[in-house]
Full PDB file with SEQRES, HELIX, SHEET, SSBOND, CRYST1, ORIGX, SCALE, CONECT and MASTER records, all heavy atoms in Angstrom:
SEQRES   1 A   40  GLY LEU LYS VAL ASP PHE THR LEU PRO ALA SER ALA THR          
SEQRES   2 A   40  MET ARG TRP GLY LEU LEU GLY ASN VAL VAL ALA ASP THR          
SEQRES   3 A   40  ASN GLN LYS ALA ALA THR ASN THR THR ASP GLN THR GLY          
SEQRES   4 A   40  SER                                                          
SHEET    1 AA1 2 THR A  13  ASN A  21  0                                        
SHEET    2 AA1 2 ALA A  30  THR A  38 -1                                        
CRYST1    1.000    1.000    1.000  90.00  90.00  90.00 P 1           1          
ORIGX1      1.000000  0.000000  0.000000        0.00000                         
ORIGX2      0.000000  1.000000  0.000000        0.00000                         
ORIGX3      0.000000  0.000000  1.000000        0.00000                         
SCALE1      1.000000  0.000000  0.000000        0.00000                         
SCALE2      0.000000  1.000000  0.000000        0.00000                         
SCALE3      0.000000  0.000000  1.000000        0.00000                         
ATOM      1  N   GLY A   1      23.708  -3.860  22.916  1.00  0.00           N  
ATOM      2  CA  GLY A   1      23.836  -2.587  22.268  1.00  0.00           C  
ATOM      3  C   GLY A   1      23.988  -2.647  20.798  1.00  0.00           C  
ATOM      4  O   GLY A   1      23.869  -3.665  20.087  1.00  0.00           O  
ATOM      5  N   LEU A   2      24.138  -1.488  20.166  1.00  0.00           N  
ATOM      6  CA  LEU A   2      24.303  -1.378  18.749  1.00  0.00           C  
ATOM      7  C   LEU A   2      25.353  -0.398  18.412  1.00  0.00           C  
ATOM      8  O   LEU A   2      25.515   0.721  19.084  1.00  0.00           O  
ATOM      9  CB  LEU A   2      22.944  -0.879  18.126  1.00  0.00           C  
ATOM     10  CG  LEU A   2      22.940  -0.587  16.596  1.00  0.00           C  
ATOM     11  CD1 LEU A   2      22.827  -1.912  15.851  1.00  0.00           C  
ATOM     12  CD2 LEU A   2      21.628   0.279  16.289  1.00  0.00           C  
ATOM     13  N   LYS A   3      26.252  -0.696  17.468  1.00  0.00           N  
ATOM     14  CA  LYS A   3      27.207   0.366  16.977  1.00  0.00           C  
ATOM     15  C   LYS A   3      27.029   0.379  15.447  1.00  0.00           C  
ATOM     16  O   LYS A   3      26.694  -0.648  14.807  1.00  0.00           O  
ATOM     17  CB  LYS A   3      28.736  -0.021  17.386  1.00  0.00           C  
ATOM     18  CG  LYS A   3      29.331  -1.196  16.826  1.00  0.00           C  
ATOM     19  CD  LYS A   3      30.725  -1.286  17.379  1.00  0.00           C  
ATOM     20  CE  LYS A   3      31.478  -2.457  16.945  1.00  0.00           C  
ATOM     21  NZ  LYS A   3      32.834  -2.565  17.453  1.00  0.00           N  
ATOM     22  N   VAL A   4      27.177   1.553  14.897  1.00  0.00           N  
ATOM     23  CA  VAL A   4      26.830   1.837  13.536  1.00  0.00           C  
ATOM     24  C   VAL A   4      27.920   2.716  12.908  1.00  0.00           C  
ATOM     25  O   VAL A   4      28.468   3.582  13.512  1.00  0.00           O  
ATOM     26  CB  VAL A   4      25.426   2.560  13.397  1.00  0.00           C  
ATOM     27  CG1 VAL A   4      25.146   2.954  12.009  1.00  0.00           C  
ATOM     28  CG2 VAL A   4      24.387   1.739  14.128  1.00  0.00           C  
ATOM     29  N   ASP A   5      28.130   2.418  11.653  1.00  0.00           N  
ATOM     30  CA  ASP A   5      28.877   3.274  10.705  1.00  0.00           C  
ATOM     31  C   ASP A   5      28.421   3.167   9.362  1.00  0.00           C  
ATOM     32  O   ASP A   5      27.430   2.343   9.106  1.00  0.00           O  
ATOM     33  CB  ASP A   5      30.465   3.323  10.942  1.00  0.00           C  
ATOM     34  CG  ASP A   5      31.147   2.123  10.151  1.00  0.00           C  
ATOM     35  OD1 ASP A   5      30.390   1.291   9.548  1.00  0.00           O  
ATOM     36  OD2 ASP A   5      32.341   2.140  10.083  1.00  0.00           O  
ATOM     37  N   PHE A   6      29.023   3.833   8.438  1.00  0.00           N  
ATOM     38  CA  PHE A   6      28.565   3.712   6.981  1.00  0.00           C  
ATOM     39  C   PHE A   6      29.869   3.600   6.107  1.00  0.00           C  
ATOM     40  O   PHE A   6      30.874   4.166   6.407  1.00  0.00           O  
ATOM     41  CB  PHE A   6      27.884   5.016   6.616  1.00  0.00           C  
ATOM     42  CG  PHE A   6      26.552   5.104   7.266  1.00  0.00           C  
ATOM     43  CD1 PHE A   6      26.415   5.729   8.498  1.00  0.00           C  
ATOM     44  CD2 PHE A   6      25.338   4.656   6.669  1.00  0.00           C  
ATOM     45  CE1 PHE A   6      25.188   5.857   9.142  1.00  0.00           C  
ATOM     46  CE2 PHE A   6      24.215   4.769   7.263  1.00  0.00           C  
ATOM     47  CZ  PHE A   6      24.085   5.404   8.555  1.00  0.00           C  
ATOM     48  N   THR A   7      29.717   2.884   5.014  1.00  0.00           N  
ATOM     49  CA  THR A   7      30.779   2.864   4.008  1.00  0.00           C  
ATOM     50  C   THR A   7      30.311   3.820   2.887  1.00  0.00           C  
ATOM     51  O   THR A   7      29.087   3.991   2.701  1.00  0.00           O  
ATOM     52  CB  THR A   7      31.039   1.510   3.428  1.00  0.00           C  
ATOM     53  OG1 THR A   7      29.850   0.969   2.820  1.00  0.00           O  
ATOM     54  CG2 THR A   7      31.613   0.438   4.445  1.00  0.00           C  
ATOM     55  N   LEU A   8      31.227   4.475   2.342  1.00  0.00           N  
ATOM     56  CA  LEU A   8      30.871   5.487   1.324  1.00  0.00           C  
ATOM     57  C   LEU A   8      31.797   5.389   0.069  1.00  0.00           C  
ATOM     58  O   LEU A   8      32.786   4.783   0.160  1.00  0.00           O  
ATOM     59  CB  LEU A   8      31.151   6.985   1.883  1.00  0.00           C  
ATOM     60  CG  LEU A   8      30.482   7.225   3.263  1.00  0.00           C  
ATOM     61  CD1 LEU A   8      30.954   8.615   3.797  1.00  0.00           C  
ATOM     62  CD2 LEU A   8      28.973   7.273   3.105  1.00  0.00           C  
ATOM     63  N   PRO A   9      31.301   5.921  -0.983  1.00  0.00           N  
ATOM     64  CA  PRO A   9      32.224   6.027  -2.193  1.00  0.00           C  
ATOM     65  C   PRO A   9      33.625   6.740  -1.838  1.00  0.00           C  
ATOM     66  O   PRO A   9      33.594   7.558  -0.920  1.00  0.00           O  
ATOM     67  CB  PRO A   9      31.468   6.767  -3.273  1.00  0.00           C  
ATOM     68  CG  PRO A   9      30.060   6.716  -2.794  1.00  0.00           C  
ATOM     69  CD  PRO A   9      30.082   6.638  -1.360  1.00  0.00           C  
ATOM     70  N   ALA A  10      34.610   6.538  -2.708  1.00  0.00           N  
ATOM     71  CA  ALA A  10      35.892   7.217  -2.523  1.00  0.00           C  
ATOM     72  C   ALA A  10      35.692   8.721  -2.375  1.00  0.00           C  
ATOM     73  O   ALA A  10      34.928   9.353  -3.187  1.00  0.00           O  
ATOM     74  CB  ALA A  10      36.811   6.890  -3.603  1.00  0.00           C  
ATOM     75  N   SER A  11      36.384   9.319  -1.389  1.00  0.00           N  
ATOM     76  CA  SER A  11      36.424  10.787  -1.206  1.00  0.00           C  
ATOM     77  C   SER A  11      35.113  11.403  -0.758  1.00  0.00           C  
ATOM     78  O   SER A  11      35.055  12.645  -0.709  1.00  0.00           O  
ATOM     79  CB  SER A  11      37.066  11.539  -2.298  1.00  0.00           C  
ATOM     80  OG  SER A  11      38.356  10.981  -2.660  1.00  0.00           O  
ATOM     81  N   ALA A  12      34.094  10.584  -0.499  1.00  0.00           N  
ATOM     82  CA  ALA A  12      32.741  11.098   0.031  1.00  0.00           C  
ATOM     83  C   ALA A  12      32.949  11.544   1.479  1.00  0.00           C  
ATOM     84  O   ALA A  12      33.845  10.929   2.224  1.00  0.00           O  
ATOM     85  CB  ALA A  12      31.667  10.139  -0.131  1.00  0.00           C  
ATOM     86  N   THR A  13      32.156  12.466   1.911  1.00  0.00           N  
ATOM     87  CA  THR A  13      32.174  12.886   3.309  1.00  0.00           C  
ATOM     88  C   THR A  13      30.732  12.835   3.805  1.00  0.00           C  
ATOM     89  O   THR A  13      29.751  13.077   2.967  1.00  0.00           O  
ATOM     90  CB  THR A  13      32.716  14.273   3.592  1.00  0.00           C  
ATOM     91  OG1 THR A  13      32.027  15.160   2.813  1.00  0.00           O  
ATOM     92  CG2 THR A  13      34.206  14.296   3.206  1.00  0.00           C  
ATOM     93  N   MET A  14      30.553  12.596   5.096  1.00  0.00           N  
ATOM     94  CA  MET A  14      29.193  12.458   5.603  1.00  0.00           C  
ATOM     95  C   MET A  14      29.264  13.047   7.024  1.00  0.00           C  
ATOM     96  O   MET A  14      30.166  12.712   7.787  1.00  0.00           O  
ATOM     97  CB  MET A  14      28.772  11.008   5.572  1.00  0.00           C  
ATOM     98  CG  MET A  14      27.376  10.674   6.090  1.00  0.00           C  
ATOM     99  SD  MET A  14      27.059   8.934   5.811  1.00  0.00           S  
ATOM    100  CE  MET A  14      25.727   8.634   6.890  1.00  0.00           C  
ATOM    101  N   ARG A  15      28.323  13.836   7.395  1.00  0.00           N  
ATOM    102  CA  ARG A  15      28.042  14.305   8.760  1.00  0.00           C  
ATOM    103  C   ARG A  15      26.634  13.696   9.166  1.00  0.00           C  
ATOM    104  O   ARG A  15      25.713  14.105   8.475  1.00  0.00           O  
ATOM    105  CB  ARG A  15      28.150  15.784   8.839  1.00  0.00           C  
ATOM    106  CG  ARG A  15      27.985  16.304  10.261  1.00  0.00           C  
ATOM    107  CD  ARG A  15      28.662  17.570  10.486  1.00  0.00           C  
ATOM    108  NE  ARG A  15      28.446  18.128  11.725  1.00  0.00           N  
ATOM    109  CZ  ARG A  15      28.980  17.805  12.950  1.00  0.00           C  
ATOM    110  NH1 ARG A  15      30.090  16.927  12.831  1.00  0.00           N  
ATOM    111  NH2 ARG A  15      28.821  18.249  14.084  1.00  0.00           N  
ATOM    112  N   TRP A  16      26.649  12.905  10.081  1.00  0.00           N  
ATOM    113  CA  TRP A  16      25.488  12.157  10.510  1.00  0.00           C  
ATOM    114  C   TRP A  16      25.295  12.041  11.993  1.00  0.00           C  
ATOM    115  O   TRP A  16      26.280  12.217  12.730  1.00  0.00           O  
ATOM    116  CB  TRP A  16      25.477  10.817   9.810  1.00  0.00           C  
ATOM    117  CG  TRP A  16      26.537   9.857  10.276  1.00  0.00           C  
ATOM    118  CD1 TRP A  16      27.875   9.919   9.903  1.00  0.00           C  
ATOM    119  CD2 TRP A  16      26.487   8.852  11.241  1.00  0.00           C  
ATOM    120  NE1 TRP A  16      28.534   8.975  10.474  1.00  0.00           N  
ATOM    121  CE2 TRP A  16      27.717   8.312  11.394  1.00  0.00           C  
ATOM    122  CE3 TRP A  16      25.424   8.370  12.029  1.00  0.00           C  
ATOM    123  CZ2 TRP A  16      27.977   7.180  12.177  1.00  0.00           C  
ATOM    124  CZ3 TRP A  16      25.679   7.336  12.911  1.00  0.00           C  
ATOM    125  CH2 TRP A  16      26.957   6.735  12.970  1.00  0.00           C  
ATOM    126  N   GLY A  17      24.166  11.737  12.367  1.00  0.00           N  
ATOM    127  CA  GLY A  17      23.870  11.406  13.823  1.00  0.00           C  
ATOM    128  C   GLY A  17      22.607  10.485  13.886  1.00  0.00           C  
ATOM    129  O   GLY A  17      21.783  10.507  13.027  1.00  0.00           O  
ATOM    130  N   LEU A  18      22.641   9.653  14.889  1.00  0.00           N  
ATOM    131  CA  LEU A  18      21.468   8.937  15.228  1.00  0.00           C  
ATOM    132  C   LEU A  18      21.043   9.422  16.650  1.00  0.00           C  
ATOM    133  O   LEU A  18      21.895   9.492  17.540  1.00  0.00           O  
ATOM    134  CB  LEU A  18      21.821   7.423  15.403  1.00  0.00           C  
ATOM    135  CG  LEU A  18      21.903   6.596  14.111  1.00  0.00           C  
ATOM    136  CD1 LEU A  18      22.401   5.217  14.337  1.00  0.00           C  
ATOM    137  CD2 LEU A  18      20.473   6.538  13.447  1.00  0.00           C  
ATOM    138  N   LEU A  19      19.731   9.744  16.756  1.00  0.00           N  
ATOM    139  CA  LEU A  19      19.160  10.015  18.021  1.00  0.00           C  
ATOM    140  C   LEU A  19      18.596   8.724  18.532  1.00  0.00           C  
ATOM    141  O   LEU A  19      17.639   8.112  18.015  1.00  0.00           O  
ATOM    142  CB  LEU A  19      18.019  11.015  17.768  1.00  0.00           C  
ATOM    143  CG  LEU A  19      17.377  11.501  19.056  1.00  0.00           C  
ATOM    144  CD1 LEU A  19      18.301  12.174  20.051  1.00  0.00           C  
ATOM    145  CD2 LEU A  19      16.265  12.495  18.778  1.00  0.00           C  
ATOM    146  N   GLY A  20      19.236   8.249  19.589  1.00  0.00           N  
ATOM    147  CA  GLY A  20      18.935   6.891  20.135  1.00  0.00           C  
ATOM    148  C   GLY A  20      19.304   6.756  21.538  1.00  0.00           C  
ATOM    149  O   GLY A  20      19.704   7.706  22.290  1.00  0.00           O  
ATOM    150  N   ASN A  21      19.148   5.501  22.119  1.00  0.00           N  
ATOM    151  CA  ASN A  21      19.499   5.310  23.564  1.00  0.00           C  
ATOM    152  C   ASN A  21      20.959   5.507  23.759  1.00  0.00           C  
ATOM    153  O   ASN A  21      21.913   5.123  22.971  1.00  0.00           O  
ATOM    154  CB  ASN A  21      19.054   3.877  23.889  1.00  0.00           C  
ATOM    155  CG  ASN A  21      17.592   3.760  24.039  1.00  0.00           C  
ATOM    156  OD1 ASN A  21      16.879   4.587  23.662  1.00  0.00           O  
ATOM    157  ND2 ASN A  21      17.248   2.638  24.685  1.00  0.00           N  
ATOM    158  N   VAL A  22      21.295   5.937  25.082  1.00  0.00           N  
ATOM    159  CA  VAL A  22      22.635   5.901  25.558  1.00  0.00           C  
ATOM    160  C   VAL A  22      23.086   4.480  25.765  1.00  0.00           C  
ATOM    161  O   VAL A  22      22.302   3.597  26.110  1.00  0.00           O  
ATOM    162  CB  VAL A  22      22.641   6.695  26.903  1.00  0.00           C  
ATOM    163  CG1 VAL A  22      24.026   6.611  27.520  1.00  0.00           C  
ATOM    164  CG2 VAL A  22      22.230   8.124  26.738  1.00  0.00           C  
ATOM    165  N   VAL A  23      24.371   4.165  25.538  1.00  0.00           N  
ATOM    166  CA  VAL A  23      24.825   2.762  25.642  1.00  0.00           C  
ATOM    167  C   VAL A  23      24.572   2.356  27.125  1.00  0.00           C  
ATOM    168  O   VAL A  23      24.761   3.077  28.068  1.00  0.00           O  
ATOM    169  CB  VAL A  23      26.364   2.717  25.393  1.00  0.00           C  
ATOM    170  CG1 VAL A  23      26.895   1.392  25.820  1.00  0.00           C  
ATOM    171  CG2 VAL A  23      26.620   3.052  23.921  1.00  0.00           C  
ATOM    172  N   ALA A  24      24.078   1.165  27.216  1.00  0.00           N  
ATOM    173  CA  ALA A  24      23.809   0.374  28.551  1.00  0.00           C  
ATOM    174  C   ALA A  24      22.699   1.153  29.394  1.00  0.00           C  
ATOM    175  O   ALA A  24      22.600   0.937  30.552  1.00  0.00           O  
ATOM    176  CB  ALA A  24      25.096   0.235  29.410  1.00  0.00           C  
ATOM    177  N   ASP A  25      21.846   1.942  28.790  1.00  0.00           N  
ATOM    178  CA  ASP A  25      20.868   2.664  29.503  1.00  0.00           C  
ATOM    179  C   ASP A  25      19.509   1.983  29.185  1.00  0.00           C  
ATOM    180  O   ASP A  25      19.114   1.813  28.030  1.00  0.00           O  
ATOM    181  CB  ASP A  25      20.751   4.067  28.975  1.00  0.00           C  
ATOM    182  CG  ASP A  25      19.766   4.967  29.776  1.00  0.00           C  
ATOM    183  OD1 ASP A  25      18.993   4.440  30.624  1.00  0.00           O  
ATOM    184  OD2 ASP A  25      19.936   6.191  29.798  1.00  0.00           O  
ATOM    185  N   THR A  26      18.877   1.512  30.266  1.00  0.00           N  
ATOM    186  CA  THR A  26      17.610   0.745  30.064  1.00  0.00           C  
ATOM    187  C   THR A  26      16.368   1.698  30.199  1.00  0.00           C  
ATOM    188  O   THR A  26      15.258   1.211  30.111  1.00  0.00           O  
ATOM    189  CB  THR A  26      17.466  -0.390  31.094  1.00  0.00           C  
ATOM    190  OG1 THR A  26      17.533   0.289  32.445  1.00  0.00           O  
ATOM    191  CG2 THR A  26      18.562  -1.289  30.916  1.00  0.00           C  
ATOM    192  N   ASN A  27      16.674   2.995  30.444  1.00  0.00           N  
ATOM    193  CA  ASN A  27      15.481   3.895  30.482  1.00  0.00           C  
ATOM    194  C   ASN A  27      15.122   4.601  29.296  1.00  0.00           C  
ATOM    195  O   ASN A  27      14.266   5.493  29.217  1.00  0.00           O  
ATOM    196  CB  ASN A  27      15.810   4.984  31.609  1.00  0.00           C  
ATOM    197  CG  ASN A  27      16.006   4.392  32.990  1.00  0.00           C  
ATOM    198  OD1 ASN A  27      15.215   3.509  33.364  1.00  0.00           O  
ATOM    199  ND2 ASN A  27      17.000   4.890  33.669  1.00  0.00           N  
ATOM    200  N   GLN A  28      15.678   4.202  28.174  1.00  0.00           N  
ATOM    201  CA  GLN A  28      15.426   4.773  26.849  1.00  0.00           C  
ATOM    202  C   GLN A  28      15.467   6.285  26.802  1.00  0.00           C  
ATOM    203  O   GLN A  28      14.720   6.981  26.203  1.00  0.00           O  
ATOM    204  CB  GLN A  28      14.066   4.345  26.305  1.00  0.00           C  
ATOM    205  CG  GLN A  28      13.947   2.830  26.140  1.00  0.00           C  
ATOM    206  CD  GLN A  28      12.833   2.276  25.301  1.00  0.00           C  
ATOM    207  OE1 GLN A  28      11.984   3.162  24.926  1.00  0.00           O  
ATOM    208  NE2 GLN A  28      12.700   1.074  25.179  1.00  0.00           N  
ATOM    209  N   LYS A  29      16.542   6.831  27.417  1.00  0.00           N  
ATOM    210  CA  LYS A  29      16.796   8.255  27.313  1.00  0.00           C  
ATOM    211  C   LYS A  29      17.495   8.496  26.012  1.00  0.00           C  
ATOM    212  O   LYS A  29      18.297   7.633  25.512  1.00  0.00           O  
ATOM    213  CB  LYS A  29      17.738   8.690  28.449  1.00  0.00           C  
ATOM    214  CG  LYS A  29      17.178   8.553  29.872  1.00  0.00           C  
ATOM    215  CD  LYS A  29      18.257   8.978  30.816  1.00  0.00           C  
ATOM    216  CE  LYS A  29      17.614   8.692  32.209  1.00  0.00           C  
ATOM    217  NZ  LYS A  29      18.665   8.775  33.277  1.00  0.00           N  
ATOM    218  N   ALA A  30      17.245   9.607  25.347  1.00  0.00           N  
ATOM    219  CA  ALA A  30      17.803   9.850  24.056  1.00  0.00           C  
ATOM    220  C   ALA A  30      19.200  10.369  24.166  1.00  0.00           C  
ATOM    221  O   ALA A  30      19.557  11.204  25.066  1.00  0.00           O  
ATOM    222  CB  ALA A  30      16.927  10.885  23.327  1.00  0.00           C  
ATOM    223  N   ALA A  31      20.058   9.893  23.209  1.00  0.00           N  
ATOM    224  CA  ALA A  31      21.419  10.347  23.165  1.00  0.00           C  
ATOM    225  C   ALA A  31      21.661  10.613  21.720  1.00  0.00           C  
ATOM    226  O   ALA A  31      21.327   9.888  20.822  1.00  0.00           O  
ATOM    227  CB  ALA A  31      22.396   9.336  23.640  1.00  0.00           C  
ATOM    228  N   THR A  32      22.389  11.674  21.417  1.00  0.00           N  
ATOM    229  CA  THR A  32      22.707  12.012  20.038  1.00  0.00           C  
ATOM    230  C   THR A  32      24.129  11.753  19.841  1.00  0.00           C  
ATOM    231  O   THR A  32      25.007  12.144  20.690  1.00  0.00           O  
ATOM    232  CB  THR A  32      22.508  13.443  19.687  1.00  0.00           C  
ATOM    233  OG1 THR A  32      21.105  13.763  19.917  1.00  0.00           O  
ATOM    234  CG2 THR A  32      22.815  13.805  18.278  1.00  0.00           C  
ATOM    235  N   ASN A  33      24.557  11.038  18.810  1.00  0.00           N  
ATOM    236  CA  ASN A  33      25.851  10.794  18.455  1.00  0.00           C  
ATOM    237  C   ASN A  33      26.101  11.290  16.981  1.00  0.00           C  
ATOM    238  O   ASN A  33      25.822  10.689  16.056  1.00  0.00           O  
ATOM    239  CB  ASN A  33      26.237   9.305  18.533  1.00  0.00           C  
ATOM    240  CG  ASN A  33      27.707   8.985  18.312  1.00  0.00           C  
ATOM    241  OD1 ASN A  33      28.491   9.962  18.027  1.00  0.00           O  
ATOM    242  ND2 ASN A  33      28.093   7.813  18.414  1.00  0.00           N  
ATOM    243  N   THR A  34      26.571  12.514  16.901  1.00  0.00           N  
ATOM    244  CA  THR A  34      26.895  13.133  15.684  1.00  0.00           C  
ATOM    245  C   THR A  34      28.349  13.015  15.281  1.00  0.00           C  
ATOM    246  O   THR A  34      29.143  13.343  16.067  1.00  0.00           O  
ATOM    247  CB  THR A  34      26.500  14.596  15.641  1.00  0.00           C  
ATOM    248  OG1 THR A  34      25.098  14.643  15.961  1.00  0.00           O  
ATOM    249  CG2 THR A  34      26.685  15.267  14.274  1.00  0.00           C  
ATOM    250  N   THR A  35      28.678  12.553  14.121  1.00  0.00           N  
ATOM    251  CA  THR A  35      30.024  12.282  13.757  1.00  0.00           C  
ATOM    252  C   THR A  35      30.298  12.747  12.340  1.00  0.00           C  
ATOM    253  O   THR A  35      29.400  12.752  11.433  1.00  0.00           O  
ATOM    254  CB  THR A  35      30.448  10.862  13.907  1.00  0.00           C  
ATOM    255  OG1 THR A  35      29.506  10.013  13.085  1.00  0.00           O  
ATOM    256  CG2 THR A  35      30.323  10.313  15.290  1.00  0.00           C  
ATOM    257  N   ASP A  36      31.521  13.141  12.068  1.00  0.00           N  
ATOM    258  CA  ASP A  36      32.049  13.343  10.758  1.00  0.00           C  
ATOM    259  C   ASP A  36      32.597  12.022  10.257  1.00  0.00           C  
ATOM    260  O   ASP A  36      33.237  11.351  11.036  1.00  0.00           O  
ATOM    261  CB  ASP A  36      33.136  14.487  10.664  1.00  0.00           C  
ATOM    262  CG  ASP A  36      32.510  15.878  10.785  1.00  0.00           C  
ATOM    263  OD1 ASP A  36      31.546  16.110  10.080  1.00  0.00           O  
ATOM    264  OD2 ASP A  36      33.078  16.652  11.470  1.00  0.00           O  
ATOM    265  N   GLN A  37      32.454  11.743   8.962  1.00  0.00           N  
ATOM    266  CA  GLN A  37      32.998  10.458   8.489  1.00  0.00           C  
ATOM    267  C   GLN A  37      33.468  10.645   7.137  1.00  0.00           C  
ATOM    268  O   GLN A  37      32.741  11.177   6.245  1.00  0.00           O  
ATOM    269  CB  GLN A  37      31.924   9.451   8.584  1.00  0.00           C  
ATOM    270  CG  GLN A  37      32.304   8.148   8.072  1.00  0.00           C  
ATOM    271  CD  GLN A  37      31.224   7.095   8.404  1.00  0.00           C  
ATOM    272  OE1 GLN A  37      30.738   7.047   9.502  1.00  0.00           O  
ATOM    273  NE2 GLN A  37      30.954   6.157   7.532  1.00  0.00           N  
ATOM    274  N   THR A  38      34.667  10.164   6.860  1.00  0.00           N  
ATOM    275  CA  THR A  38      35.166   9.971   5.471  1.00  0.00           C  
ATOM    276  C   THR A  38      35.345   8.407   5.346  1.00  0.00           C  
ATOM    277  O   THR A  38      36.058   7.901   6.142  1.00  0.00           O  
ATOM    278  CB  THR A  38      36.415  10.767   5.270  1.00  0.00           C  
ATOM    279  OG1 THR A  38      36.179  12.108   5.438  1.00  0.00           O  
ATOM    280  CG2 THR A  38      36.945  10.577   3.825  1.00  0.00           C  
ATOM    281  N   GLY A  39      34.880   7.867   4.388  1.00  0.00           N  
ATOM    282  CA  GLY A  39      35.014   6.345   4.251  1.00  0.00           C  
ATOM    283  C   GLY A  39      34.137   5.754   5.387  1.00  0.00           C  
ATOM    284  O   GLY A  39      33.028   6.091   5.574  1.00  0.00           O  
ATOM    285  N   SER A  40      34.772   4.848   6.060  1.00  0.00           N  
ATOM    286  CA  SER A  40      34.040   4.143   7.256  1.00  0.00           C  
ATOM    287  C   SER A  40      34.787   4.250   8.471  1.00  0.00           C  
ATOM    288  O   SER A  40      35.224   3.201   9.079  1.00  0.00           O  
ATOM    289  CB  SER A  40      33.733   2.662   6.849  1.00  0.00           C  
ATOM    290  OG  SER A  40      34.950   1.998   6.612  1.00  0.00           O  
TER     291      SER A  40                                                      
MASTER        0    0    0    0    2    0    0    6  290    1    0    4          
END                                                                             
């Protein structure tokens, strides 16, 4: 699998999502993981 995050400048905020496969799913079903992030 794959896990992802981002590093950002000091005090930056990011709301992001990746539309990709569910963990351990071999059928390539789409899963959205939207997260708020400050820093990493």
